[in-house]
Amino acid sequence: MQSHFRLERRVQDEACVISVSGELDLASSPALEEELDRVAASGTGLVIVDLRELEFMDSTGLSVLVKAHQRAEEQGKRFGLVNGSQQVQRLLTLTGVADRLTLVNAPEELFGGG
């Protein structure tokens, strides 16, 4: 059984929220990477990736998120993640990524901060 990956982008205030669902893995990671590239090229100052609907993420997906975070920092932008499923949380924690990236429970927590 193949879980379908879906990606939805919405602009809210001065932030771009990218919601992902399904499985973020080797097959679907390029789609997210492409979307993050488009957002990086735009004037958005805050990028939020919402992982709440994500059922599974592997190291490829993790790598895409880490690279996007690094690029945002280089561009002087803010980058945050909304906590996902237990599997996703566990991957972020075990790899130490949870300590390096901004993790919140809802996108709204990142608005208005500096």
PDB file of N, CA and C in Angstrom:
ATOM      1  N   MET A   1       0.830  -1.180   0.000  1.00  0.00           N
ATOM      2  CA  MET A   1       0.000   0.000   0.000  1.00  0.00           C
ATOM      3  C   MET A   1       0.883   1.255   0.000  1.00  0.00           C
ATOM      4  N   GLN A   2       0.596   2.141  -0.922  1.00  0.00           N
ATOM      5  CA  GLN A   2       1.403   3.346  -1.025  1.00  0.00           C
ATOM      6  C   GLN A   2       0.627   4.530  -0.462  1.00  0.00           C
ATOM      7  N   SER A   3       1.254   5.228   0.434  1.00  0.00           N
ATOM      8  CA  SER A   3       0.634   6.414   1.002  1.00  0.00           C
ATOM      9  C   SER A   3       0.993   7.592   0.117  1.00  0.00           C
ATOM     10  N   HIS A   4       0.001   8.361  -0.254  1.00  0.00           N
ATOM     11  CA  HIS A   4       0.253   9.473  -1.152  1.00  0.00           C
ATOM     12  C   HIS A   4       0.754  10.693  -0.399  1.00  0.00           C
ATOM     13  N   PHE A   5       1.721  11.346  -1.004  1.00  0.00           N
ATOM     14  CA  PHE A   5       2.281  12.559  -0.430  1.00  0.00           C
ATOM     15  C   PHE A   5       1.508  13.743  -0.992  1.00  0.00           C
ATOM     16  N   ARG A   6       1.110  14.638  -0.109  1.00  0.00           N
ATOM     17  CA  ARG A   6       0.441  15.855  -0.557  1.00  0.00           C
ATOM     18  C   ARG A   6       1.123  17.053   0.066  1.00  0.00           C
ATOM     19  N   LEU A   7       1.109  18.131  -0.688  1.00  0.00           N
ATOM     20  CA  LEU A   7       1.760  19.352  -0.259  1.00  0.00           C
ATOM     21  C   LEU A   7       0.809  20.503  -0.558  1.00  0.00           C
ATOM     22  N   GLU A   8       0.633  21.361   0.397  1.00  0.00           N
ATOM     23  CA  GLU A   8      -0.261  22.506   0.215  1.00  0.00           C
ATOM     24  C   GLU A   8       0.436  23.744   0.748  1.00  0.00           C
ATOM     25  N   ARG A   9       0.391  24.803  -0.031  1.00  0.00           N
ATOM     26  CA  ARG A   9       1.068  26.028   0.387  1.00  0.00           C
ATOM     27  C   ARG A   9       0.046  27.139   0.563  1.00  0.00           C
ATOM     28  N   ARG A  10       0.153  27.846   1.680  1.00  0.00           N
ATOM     29  CA  ARG A  10      -0.709  29.017   1.850  1.00  0.00           C
ATOM     30  C   ARG A  10       0.120  30.138   2.468  1.00  0.00           C
ATOM     31  N   VAL A  11      -0.235  31.343   2.091  1.00  0.00           N
ATOM     32  CA  VAL A  11       0.450  32.501   2.651  1.00  0.00           C
ATOM     33  C   VAL A  11      -0.470  33.103   3.699  1.00  0.00           C
ATOM     34  N   GLN A  12       0.069  33.287   4.874  1.00  0.00           N
ATOM     35  CA  GLN A  12      -0.695  33.801   5.994  1.00  0.00           C
ATOM     36  C   GLN A  12       0.115  34.929   6.614  1.00  0.00           C
ATOM     37  N   ASP A  13      -0.453  36.109   6.650  1.00  0.00           N
ATOM     38  CA  ASP A  13       0.273  37.300   7.092  1.00  0.00           C
ATOM     39  C   ASP A  13       1.554  37.403   6.257  1.00  0.00           C
ATOM     40  N   GLU A  14       2.697  37.429   6.916  1.00  0.00           N
ATOM     41  CA  GLU A  14       3.931  37.507   6.130  1.00  0.00           C
ATOM     42  C   GLU A  14       4.680  36.186   6.147  1.00  0.00           C
ATOM     43  N   ALA A  15       3.931  35.119   6.358  1.00  0.00           N
ATOM     44  CA  ALA A  15       4.550  33.792   6.431  1.00  0.00           C
ATOM     45  C   ALA A  15       4.017  32.899   5.324  1.00  0.00           C
ATOM     46  N   CYS A  16       4.838  31.961   4.940  1.00  0.00           N
ATOM     47  CA  CYS A  16       4.407  30.937   4.007  1.00  0.00           C
ATOM     48  C   CYS A  16       4.346  29.631   4.791  1.00  0.00           C
ATOM     49  N   VAL A  17       3.165  29.022   4.817  1.00  0.00           N
ATOM     50  CA  VAL A  17       2.989  27.770   5.533  1.00  0.00           C
ATOM     51  C   VAL A  17       2.863  26.650   4.499  1.00  0.00           C
ATOM     52  N   ILE A  18       3.751  25.674   4.584  1.00  0.00           N
ATOM     53  CA  ILE A  18       3.707  24.515   3.683  1.00  0.00           C
ATOM     54  C   ILE A  18       3.262  23.324   4.513  1.00  0.00           C
ATOM     55  N   SER A  19       2.065  22.827   4.217  1.00  0.00           N
ATOM     56  CA  SER A  19       1.542  21.660   4.930  1.00  0.00           C
ATOM     57  C   SER A  19       1.819  20.419   4.106  1.00  0.00           C
ATOM     58  N   VAL A  20       2.405  19.420   4.749  1.00  0.00           N
ATOM     59  CA  VAL A  20       2.696  18.172   4.058  1.00  0.00           C
ATOM     60  C   VAL A  20       1.913  17.037   4.717  1.00  0.00           C
ATOM     61  N   SER A  21       1.495  16.074   3.908  1.00  0.00           N
ATOM     62  CA  SER A  21       0.777  14.924   4.458  1.00  0.00           C
ATOM     63  C   SER A  21       1.188  13.671   3.708  1.00  0.00           C
ATOM     64  N   GLY A  22       0.960  12.526   4.334  1.00  0.00           N
ATOM     65  CA  GLY A  22       1.344  11.250   3.732  1.00  0.00           C
ATOM     66  C   GLY A  22       2.736  10.854   4.180  1.00  0.00           C
ATOM     67  N   GLU A  23       3.576  10.499   3.212  1.00  0.00           N
ATOM     68  CA  GLU A  23       4.930  10.051   3.520  1.00  0.00           C
ATOM     69  C   GLU A  23       5.962  10.920   2.816  1.00  0.00           C
ATOM     70  N   LEU A  24       6.892  11.431   3.591  1.00  0.00           N
ATOM     71  CA  LEU A  24       7.986  12.235   3.044  1.00  0.00           C
ATOM     72  C   LEU A  24       9.216  11.336   3.007  1.00  0.00           C
ATOM     73  N   ASP A  25       9.525  10.847   1.797  1.00  0.00           N
ATOM     74  CA  ASP A  25      10.624   9.903   1.650  1.00  0.00           C
ATOM     75  C   ASP A  25      11.396  10.190   0.368  1.00  0.00           C
ATOM     76  N   LEU A  26      12.205   9.239  -0.062  1.00  0.00           N
ATOM     77  CA  LEU A  26      13.039   9.401  -1.247  1.00  0.00           C
ATOM     78  C   LEU A  26      12.218   9.799  -2.468  1.00  0.00           C
ATOM     79  N   ALA A  27      11.027   9.217  -2.621  1.00  0.00           N
ATOM     80  CA  ALA A  27      10.191   9.489  -3.782  1.00  0.00           C
ATOM     81  C   ALA A  27       9.535  10.865  -3.741  1.00  0.00           C
ATOM     82  N   SER A  28       9.130  11.308  -2.550  1.00  0.00           N
ATOM     83  CA  SER A  28       8.378  12.556  -2.458  1.00  0.00           C
ATOM     84  C   SER A  28       9.213  13.774  -2.063  1.00  0.00           C
ATOM     85  N   SER A  29      10.394  13.564  -1.536  1.00  0.00           N
ATOM     86  CA  SER A  29      11.231  14.679  -1.088  1.00  0.00           C
ATOM     87  C   SER A  29      11.511  15.741  -2.160  1.00  0.00           C
ATOM     88  N   PRO A  30      11.755  15.338  -3.421  1.00  0.00           N
ATOM     89  CA  PRO A  30      12.018  16.366  -4.444  1.00  0.00           C
ATOM     90  C   PRO A  30      10.867  17.373  -4.590  1.00  0.00           C
ATOM     91  N   ALA A  31       9.641  16.945  -4.397  1.00  0.00           N
ATOM     92  CA  ALA A  31       8.497  17.866  -4.508  1.00  0.00           C
ATOM     93  C   ALA A  31       8.558  18.930  -3.423  1.00  0.00           C
ATOM     94  N   LEU A  32       8.894  18.525  -2.200  1.00  0.00           N
ATOM     95  CA  LEU A  32       9.010  19.486  -1.102  1.00  0.00           C
ATOM     96  C   LEU A  32      10.207  20.399  -1.329  1.00  0.00           C
ATOM     97  N   GLU A  33      11.292  19.824  -1.792  1.00  0.00           N
ATOM     98  CA  GLU A  33      12.503  20.611  -2.035  1.00  0.00           C
ATOM     99  C   GLU A  33      12.231  21.702  -3.080  1.00  0.00           C
ATOM    100  N   GLU A  34      11.495  21.338  -4.122  1.00  0.00           N
ATOM    101  CA  GLU A  34      11.130  22.277  -5.175  1.00  0.00           C
ATOM    102  C   GLU A  34      10.288  23.421  -4.609  1.00  0.00           C
ATOM    103  N   GLU A  35       9.321  23.068  -3.791  1.00  0.00           N
ATOM    104  CA  GLU A  35       8.437  24.064  -3.186  1.00  0.00           C
ATOM    105  C   GLU A  35       9.240  24.995  -2.268  1.00  0.00           C
ATOM    106  N   LEU A  36      10.132  24.430  -1.480  1.00  0.00           N
ATOM    107  CA  LEU A  36      10.968  25.235  -0.591  1.00  0.00           C
ATOM    108  C   LEU A  36      11.889  26.162  -1.385  1.00  0.00           C
ATOM    109  N   ASP A  37      12.353  25.707  -2.551  1.00  0.00           N
ATOM    110  CA  ASP A  37      13.172  26.553  -3.425  1.00  0.00           C
ATOM    111  C   ASP A  37      12.368  27.757  -3.903  1.00  0.00           C
ATOM    112  N   ARG A  38      11.117  27.503  -4.298  1.00  0.00           N
ATOM    113  CA  ARG A  38      10.247  28.585  -4.767  1.00  0.00           C
ATOM    114  C   ARG A  38      10.007  29.605  -3.647  1.00  0.00           C
ATOM    115  N   VAL A  39       9.753  29.103  -2.451  1.00  0.00           N
ATOM    116  CA  VAL A  39       9.496  29.983  -1.311  1.00  0.00           C
ATOM    117  C   VAL A  39      10.751  30.792  -0.967  1.00  0.00           C
ATOM    118  N   ALA A  40      11.910  30.147  -1.048  1.00  0.00           N
ATOM    119  CA  ALA A  40      13.171  30.833  -0.743  1.00  0.00           C
ATOM    120  C   ALA A  40      13.412  31.983  -1.711  1.00  0.00           C
ATOM    121  N   ALA A  41      12.976  31.811  -2.944  1.00  0.00           N
ATOM    122  CA  ALA A  41      13.168  32.840  -3.968  1.00  0.00           C
ATOM    123  C   ALA A  41      12.171  33.987  -3.805  1.00  0.00           C
ATOM    124  N   SER A  42      11.106  33.755  -3.074  1.00  0.00           N
ATOM    125  CA  SER A  42      10.100  34.791  -2.851  1.00  0.00           C
ATOM    126  C   SER A  42      10.543  35.694  -1.704  1.00  0.00           C
ATOM    127  N   GLY A  43       9.766  36.707  -1.426  1.00  0.00           N
ATOM    128  CA  GLY A  43      10.146  37.657  -0.380  1.00  0.00           C
ATOM    129  C   GLY A  43       9.651  37.284   1.002  1.00  0.00           C
ATOM    130  N   THR A  44       9.174  36.066   1.182  1.00  0.00           N
ATOM    131  CA  THR A  44       8.627  35.646   2.467  1.00  0.00           C
ATOM    132  C   THR A  44       9.704  35.601   3.544  1.00  0.00           C
ATOM    133  N   GLY A  45       9.420  36.228   4.687  1.00  0.00           N
ATOM    134  CA  GLY A  45      10.404  36.294   5.764  1.00  0.00           C
ATOM    135  C   GLY A  45      10.317  35.143   6.752  1.00  0.00           C
ATOM    136  N   LEU A  46       9.196  34.421   6.722  1.00  0.00           N
ATOM    137  CA  LEU A  46       8.998  33.307   7.639  1.00  0.00           C
ATOM    138  C   LEU A  46       8.460  32.112   6.863  1.00  0.00           C
ATOM    139  N   VAL A  47       9.145  30.993   6.972  1.00  0.00           N
ATOM    140  CA  VAL A  47       8.712  29.763   6.309  1.00  0.00           C
ATOM    141  C   VAL A  47       8.395  28.738   7.386  1.00  0.00           C
ATOM    142  N   ILE A  48       7.194  28.174   7.311  1.00  0.00           N
ATOM    143  CA  ILE A  48       6.766  27.172   8.289  1.00  0.00           C
ATOM    144  C   ILE A  48       6.392  25.897   7.532  1.00  0.00           C
ATOM    145  N   VAL A  49       6.957  24.781   7.946  1.00  0.00           N
ATOM    146  CA  VAL A  49       6.573  23.494   7.365  1.00  0.00           C
ATOM    147  C   VAL A  49       5.742  22.769   8.419  1.00  0.00           C
ATOM    148  N   ASP A  50       4.494  22.522   8.075  1.00  0.00           N
ATOM    149  CA  ASP A  50       3.543  21.891   8.988  1.00  0.00           C
ATOM    150  C   ASP A  50       3.571  20.381   8.775  1.00  0.00           C
ATOM    151  N   LEU A  51       4.062  19.657   9.800  1.00  0.00           N
ATOM    152  CA  LEU A  51       4.219  18.199   9.701  1.00  0.00           C
ATOM    153  C   LEU A  51       3.083  17.430  10.368  1.00  0.00           C
ATOM    154  N   ARG A  52       2.042  18.117  10.820  1.00  0.00           N
ATOM    155  CA  ARG A  52       0.985  17.447  11.591  1.00  0.00           C
ATOM    156  C   ARG A  52       0.285  16.318  10.844  1.00  0.00           C
ATOM    157  N   GLU A  53       0.181  16.425   9.514  1.00  0.00           N
ATOM    158  CA  GLU A  53      -0.509  15.384   8.746  1.00  0.00           C
ATOM    159  C   GLU A  53       0.457  14.350   8.158  1.00  0.00           C
ATOM    160  N   LEU A  54       1.739  14.509   8.483  1.00  0.00           N
ATOM    161  CA  LEU A  54       2.743  13.590   7.940  1.00  0.00           C
ATOM    162  C   LEU A  54       2.747  12.294   8.738  1.00  0.00           C
ATOM    163  N   GLU A  55       2.599  11.174   8.035  1.00  0.00           N
ATOM    164  CA  GLU A  55       2.559   9.874   8.702  1.00  0.00           C
ATOM    165  C   GLU A  55       3.952   9.282   8.870  1.00  0.00           C
ATOM    166  N   PHE A  56       4.842   9.606   7.930  1.00  0.00           N
ATOM    167  CA  PHE A  56       6.164   8.985   7.936  1.00  0.00           C
ATOM    168  C   PHE A  56       7.166   9.929   7.287  1.00  0.00           C
ATOM    169  N   MET A  57       8.385   9.932   7.806  1.00  0.00           N
ATOM    170  CA  MET A  57       9.467  10.689   7.186  1.00  0.00           C
ATOM    171  C   MET A  57      10.743   9.884   7.329  1.00  0.00           C
ATOM    172  N   ASP A  58      11.532   9.827   6.255  1.00  0.00           N
ATOM    173  CA  ASP A  58      12.815   9.128   6.330  1.00  0.00           C
ATOM    174  C   ASP A  58      13.951  10.155   6.303  1.00  0.00           C
ATOM    175  N   SER A  59      15.164   9.675   6.224  1.00  0.00           N
ATOM    176  CA  SER A  59      16.327  10.561   6.292  1.00  0.00           C
ATOM    177  C   SER A  59      16.386  11.528   5.112  1.00  0.00           C
ATOM    178  N   THR A  60      15.810  11.135   3.977  1.00  0.00           N
ATOM    179  CA  THR A  60      15.806  12.028   2.815  1.00  0.00           C
ATOM    180  C   THR A  60      14.967  13.259   3.107  1.00  0.00           C
ATOM    181  N   GLY A  61      13.789  13.039   3.678  1.00  0.00           N
ATOM    182  CA  GLY A  61      12.905  14.144   4.039  1.00  0.00           C
ATOM    183  C   GLY A  61      13.548  15.029   5.084  1.00  0.00           C
ATOM    184  N   LEU A  62      14.197  14.395   6.035  1.00  0.00           N
ATOM    185  CA  LEU A  62      14.886  15.110   7.105  1.00  0.00           C
ATOM    186  C   LEU A  62      15.957  16.024   6.518  1.00  0.00           C
ATOM    187  N   SER A  63      16.692  15.503   5.571  1.00  0.00           N
ATOM    188  CA  SER A  63      17.756  16.248   4.921  1.00  0.00           C
ATOM    189  C   SER A  63      17.209  17.485   4.206  1.00  0.00           C
ATOM    190  N   VAL A  64      16.070  17.360   3.546  1.00  0.00           N
ATOM    191  CA  VAL A  64      15.434  18.483   2.845  1.00  0.00           C
ATOM    192  C   VAL A  64      15.101  19.591   3.850  1.00  0.00           C
ATOM    193  N   LEU A  65      14.555  19.211   5.000  1.00  0.00           N
ATOM    194  CA  LEU A  65      14.183  20.194   6.023  1.00  0.00           C
ATOM    195  C   LEU A  65      15.410  20.903   6.603  1.00  0.00           C
ATOM    196  N   VAL A  66      16.467  20.131   6.864  1.00  0.00           N
ATOM    197  CA  VAL A  66      17.690  20.711   7.417  1.00  0.00           C
ATOM    198  C   VAL A  66      18.309  21.700   6.428  1.00  0.00           C
ATOM    199  N   LYS A  67      18.339  21.322   5.139  1.00  0.00           N
ATOM    200  CA  LYS A  67      18.902  22.207   4.115  1.00  0.00           C
ATOM    201  C   LYS A  67      18.084  23.486   3.993  1.00  0.00           C
ATOM    202  N   ALA A  68      16.763  23.350   4.053  1.00  0.00           N
ATOM    203  CA  ALA A  68      15.886  24.524   3.948  1.00  0.00           C
ATOM    204  C   ALA A  68      16.114  25.465   5.126  1.00  0.00           C
ATOM    205  N   HIS A  69      16.320  24.885   6.301  1.00  0.00           N
ATOM    206  CA  HIS A  69      16.582  25.680   7.498  1.00  0.00           C
ATOM    207  C   HIS A  69      17.896  26.447   7.349  1.00  0.00           C
ATOM    208  N   GLN A  70      18.922  25.765   6.882  1.00  0.00           N
ATOM    209  CA  GLN A  70      20.233  26.401   6.703  1.00  0.00           C
ATOM    210  C   GLN A  70      20.143  27.544   5.697  1.00  0.00           C
ATOM    211  N   ARG A  71      19.422  27.311   4.606  1.00  0.00           N
ATOM    212  CA  ARG A  71      19.295  28.342   3.572  1.00  0.00           C
ATOM    213  C   ARG A  71      18.530  29.552   4.118  1.00  0.00           C
ATOM    214  N   ALA A  72      17.469  29.290   4.887  1.00  0.00           N
ATOM    215  CA  ALA A  72      16.686  30.384   5.473  1.00  0.00           C
ATOM    216  C   ALA A  72      17.581  31.239   6.370  1.00  0.00           C
ATOM    217  N   GLU A  73      18.403  30.589   7.182  1.00  0.00           N
ATOM    218  CA  GLU A  73      19.316  31.326   8.066  1.00  0.00           C
ATOM    219  C   GLU A  73      20.289  32.178   7.267  1.00  0.00           C
ATOM    220  N   GLU A  74      20.815  31.611   6.184  1.00  0.00           N
ATOM    221  CA  GLU A  74      21.756  32.346   5.338  1.00  0.00           C
ATOM    222  C   GLU A  74      21.097  33.573   4.724  1.00  0.00           C
ATOM    223  N   GLN A  75      19.801  33.473   4.447  1.00  0.00           N
ATOM    224  CA  GLN A  75      19.065  34.577   3.812  1.00  0.00           C
ATOM    225  C   GLN A  75      18.454  35.527   4.847  1.00  0.00           C
ATOM    226  N   GLY A  76      18.690  35.248   6.117  1.00  0.00           N
ATOM    227  CA  GLY A  76      18.140  36.098   7.163  1.00  0.00           C
ATOM    228  C   GLY A  76      16.652  35.911   7.373  1.00  0.00           C
ATOM    229  N   LYS A  77      16.144  34.747   6.984  1.00  0.00           N
ATOM    230  CA  LYS A  77      14.726  34.442   7.157  1.00  0.00           C
ATOM    231  C   LYS A  77      14.535  33.520   8.352  1.00  0.00           C
ATOM    232  N   ARG A  78      13.297  33.407   8.812  1.00  0.00           N
ATOM    233  CA  ARG A  78      12.984  32.493   9.907  1.00  0.00           C
ATOM    234  C   ARG A  78      12.373  31.223   9.319  1.00  0.00           C
ATOM    235  N   PHE A  79      12.671  30.101   9.962  1.00  0.00           N
ATOM    236  CA  PHE A  79      12.188  28.802   9.486  1.00  0.00           C
ATOM    237  C   PHE A  79      11.727  27.995  10.688  1.00  0.00           C
ATOM    238  N   GLY A  80      10.545  27.420  10.608  1.00  0.00           N
ATOM    239  CA  GLY A  80      10.047  26.628  11.724  1.00  0.00           C
ATOM    240  C   GLY A  80       9.283  25.408  11.263  1.00  0.00           C
ATOM    241  N   LEU A  81       9.183  24.443  12.152  1.00  0.00           N
ATOM    242  CA  LEU A  81       8.444  23.216  11.873  1.00  0.00           C
ATOM    243  C   LEU A  81       7.324  23.072  12.885  1.00  0.00           C
ATOM    244  N   VAL A  82       6.186  22.560  12.418  1.00  0.00           N
ATOM    245  CA  VAL A  82       5.088  22.231  13.326  1.00  0.00           C
ATOM    246  C   VAL A  82       5.182  20.736  13.576  1.00  0.00           C
ATOM    247  N   ASN A  83       5.211  20.353  14.857  1.00  0.00           N
ATOM    248  CA  ASN A  83       5.361  18.948  15.250  1.00  0.00           C
ATOM    249  C   ASN A  83       4.443  18.003  14.494  1.00  0.00           C
ATOM    250  N   GLY A  84       4.980  16.833  14.190  1.00  0.00           N
ATOM    251  CA  GLY A  84       4.217  15.828  13.462  1.00  0.00           C
ATOM    252  C   GLY A  84       3.901  14.607  14.304  1.00  0.00           C
ATOM    253  N   SER A  85       3.715  13.488  13.634  1.00  0.00           N
ATOM    254  CA  SER A  85       3.369  12.226  14.287  1.00  0.00           C
ATOM    255  C   SER A  85       4.497  11.761  15.203  1.00  0.00           C
ATOM    256  N   GLN A  86       4.223  10.722  15.986  1.00  0.00           N
ATOM    257  CA  GLN A  86       5.245  10.191  16.890  1.00  0.00           C
ATOM    258  C   GLN A  86       6.487   9.751  16.128  1.00  0.00           C
ATOM    259  N   GLN A  87       6.296   9.110  14.973  1.00  0.00           N
ATOM    260  CA  GLN A  87       7.432   8.640  14.182  1.00  0.00           C
ATOM    261  C   GLN A  87       8.288   9.823  13.737  1.00  0.00           C
ATOM    262  N   VAL A  88       7.617  10.873  13.276  1.00  0.00           N
ATOM    263  CA  VAL A  88       8.325  12.060  12.795  1.00  0.00           C
ATOM    264  C   VAL A  88       9.058  12.734  13.955  1.00  0.00           C
ATOM    265  N   GLN A  89       8.372  12.875  15.086  1.00  0.00           N
ATOM    266  CA  GLN A  89       8.969  13.469  16.277  1.00  0.00           C
ATOM    267  C   GLN A  89      10.208  12.698  16.714  1.00  0.00           C
ATOM    268  N   ARG A  90      10.057  11.401  16.709  1.00  0.00           N
ATOM    269  CA  ARG A  90      11.147  10.536  17.150  1.00  0.00           C
ATOM    270  C   ARG A  90      12.380  10.691  16.265  1.00  0.00           C
ATOM    271  N   LEU A  91      12.147  10.742  14.959  1.00  0.00           N
ATOM    272  CA  LEU A  91      13.243  10.925  14.007  1.00  0.00           C
ATOM    273  C   LEU A  91      13.946  12.261  14.262  1.00  0.00           C
ATOM    274  N   LEU A  92      13.174  13.310  14.470  1.00  0.00           N
ATOM    275  CA  LEU A  92      13.747  14.630  14.730  1.00  0.00           C
ATOM    276  C   LEU A  92      14.554  14.636  16.028  1.00  0.00           C
ATOM    277  N   THR A  93      14.051  13.955  17.040  1.00  0.00           N
ATOM    278  CA  THR A  93      14.718  13.922  18.338  1.00  0.00           C
ATOM    279  C   THR A  93      15.986  13.065  18.291  1.00  0.00           C
ATOM    280  N   LEU A  94      15.879  11.860  17.738  1.00  0.00           N
ATOM    281  CA  LEU A  94      17.022  10.942  17.697  1.00  0.00           C
ATOM    282  C   LEU A  94      18.189  11.485  16.888  1.00  0.00           C
ATOM    283  N   THR A  95      17.882  12.252  15.849  1.00  0.00           N
ATOM    284  CA  THR A  95      18.944  12.773  14.985  1.00  0.00           C
ATOM    285  C   THR A  95      19.505  14.092  15.499  1.00  0.00           C
ATOM    286  N   GLY A  96      18.882  14.636  16.553  1.00  0.00           N
ATOM    287  CA  GLY A  96      19.351  15.903  17.099  1.00  0.00           C
ATOM    288  C   GLY A  96      18.804  17.120  16.365  1.00  0.00           C
ATOM    289  N   VAL A  97      18.024  16.885  15.329  1.00  0.00           N
ATOM    290  CA  VAL A  97      17.477  17.988  14.538  1.00  0.00           C
ATOM    291  C   VAL A  97      16.494  18.810  15.369  1.00  0.00           C
ATOM    292  N   ALA A  98      15.769  18.146  16.259  1.00  0.00           N
ATOM    293  CA  ALA A  98      14.802  18.848  17.107  1.00  0.00           C
ATOM    294  C   ALA A  98      15.476  19.940  17.934  1.00  0.00           C
ATOM    295  N   ASP A  99      16.750  19.746  18.267  1.00  0.00           N
ATOM    296  CA  ASP A  99      17.476  20.732  19.056  1.00  0.00           C
ATOM    297  C   ASP A  99      17.939  21.921  18.220  1.00  0.00           C
ATOM    298  N   ARG A 100      18.088  21.704  16.927  1.00  0.00           N
ATOM    299  CA  ARG A 100      18.638  22.744  16.054  1.00  0.00           C
ATOM    300  C   ARG A 100      17.571  23.573  15.354  1.00  0.00           C
ATOM    301  N   LEU A 101      16.415  22.999  15.134  1.00  0.00           N
ATOM    302  CA  LEU A 101      15.346  23.700  14.434  1.00  0.00           C
ATOM    303  C   LEU A 101      14.283  24.185  15.410  1.00  0.00           C
ATOM    304  N   THR A 102      13.510  25.151  14.980  1.00  0.00           N
ATOM    305  CA  THR A 102      12.422  25.665  15.800  1.00  0.00           C
ATOM    306  C   THR A 102      11.211  24.768  15.603  1.00  0.00           C
ATOM    307  N   LEU A 103      10.761  24.139  16.693  1.00  0.00           N
ATOM    308  CA  LEU A 103       9.606  23.241  16.638  1.00  0.00           C
ATOM    309  C   LEU A 103       8.486  23.790  17.504  1.00  0.00           C
ATOM    310  N   VAL A 104       7.289  23.855  16.932  1.00  0.00           N
ATOM    311  CA  VAL A 104       6.131  24.351  17.672  1.00  0.00           C
ATOM    312  C   VAL A 104       4.951  23.397  17.464  1.00  0.00           C
ATOM    313  N   ASN A 105       3.877  23.618  18.203  1.00  0.00           N
ATOM    314  CA  ASN A 105       2.697  22.763  18.060  1.00  0.00           C
ATOM    315  C   ASN A 105       1.661  23.310  17.091  1.00  0.00           C
ATOM    316  N   ALA A 106       1.760  24.596  16.752  1.00  0.00           N
ATOM    317  CA  ALA A 106       0.831  25.201  15.808  1.00  0.00           C
ATOM    318  C   ALA A 106       1.542  26.345  15.077  1.00  0.00           C
ATOM    319  N   PRO A 107       1.252  26.546  13.787  1.00  0.00           N
ATOM    320  CA  PRO A 107       1.929  27.587  13.024  1.00  0.00           C
ATOM    321  C   PRO A 107       1.824  28.967  13.666  1.00  0.00           C
ATOM    322  N   GLU A 108       0.691  29.252  14.299  1.00  0.00           N
ATOM    323  CA  GLU A 108       0.448  30.569  14.898  1.00  0.00           C
ATOM    324  C   GLU A 108       1.499  30.931  15.952  1.00  0.00           C
ATOM    325  N   GLU A 109       2.121  29.922  16.568  1.00  0.00           N
ATOM    326  CA  GLU A 109       3.115  30.180  17.602  1.00  0.00           C
ATOM    327  C   GLU A 109       4.339  30.928  17.052  1.00  0.00           C
ATOM    328  N   LEU A 110       4.531  30.861  15.736  1.00  0.00           N
ATOM    329  CA  LEU A 110       5.707  31.477  15.142  1.00  0.00           C
ATOM    330  C   LEU A 110       5.454  32.898  14.644  1.00  0.00           C
ATOM    331  N   PHE A 111       4.186  33.294  14.545  1.00  0.00           N
ATOM    332  CA  PHE A 111       3.874  34.618  14.026  1.00  0.00           C
ATOM    333  C   PHE A 111       4.219  35.714  15.006  1.00  0.00           C
ATOM    334  N   GLY A 112       4.683  36.812  14.464  1.00  0.00           N
ATOM    335  CA  GLY A 112       4.903  37.993  15.286  1.00  0.00           C
ATOM    336  C   GLY A 112       6.171  37.980  16.113  1.00  0.00           C
ATOM    337  N   GLY A 113       6.850  36.832  16.192  1.00  0.00           N
ATOM    338  CA  GLY A 113       8.077  36.767  16.967  1.00  0.00           C
ATOM    339  C   GLY A 113       9.262  37.267  16.178  1.00  0.00           C
ATOM    340  N   GLY A 114      10.421  37.314  16.790  1.00  0.00           N
ATOM    341  CA  GLY A 114      11.589  37.796  16.064  1.00  0.00           C
ATOM    342  C   GLY A 114      12.715  36.952  16.257  1.00  0.00           C
TER     343      GLY A 114
END
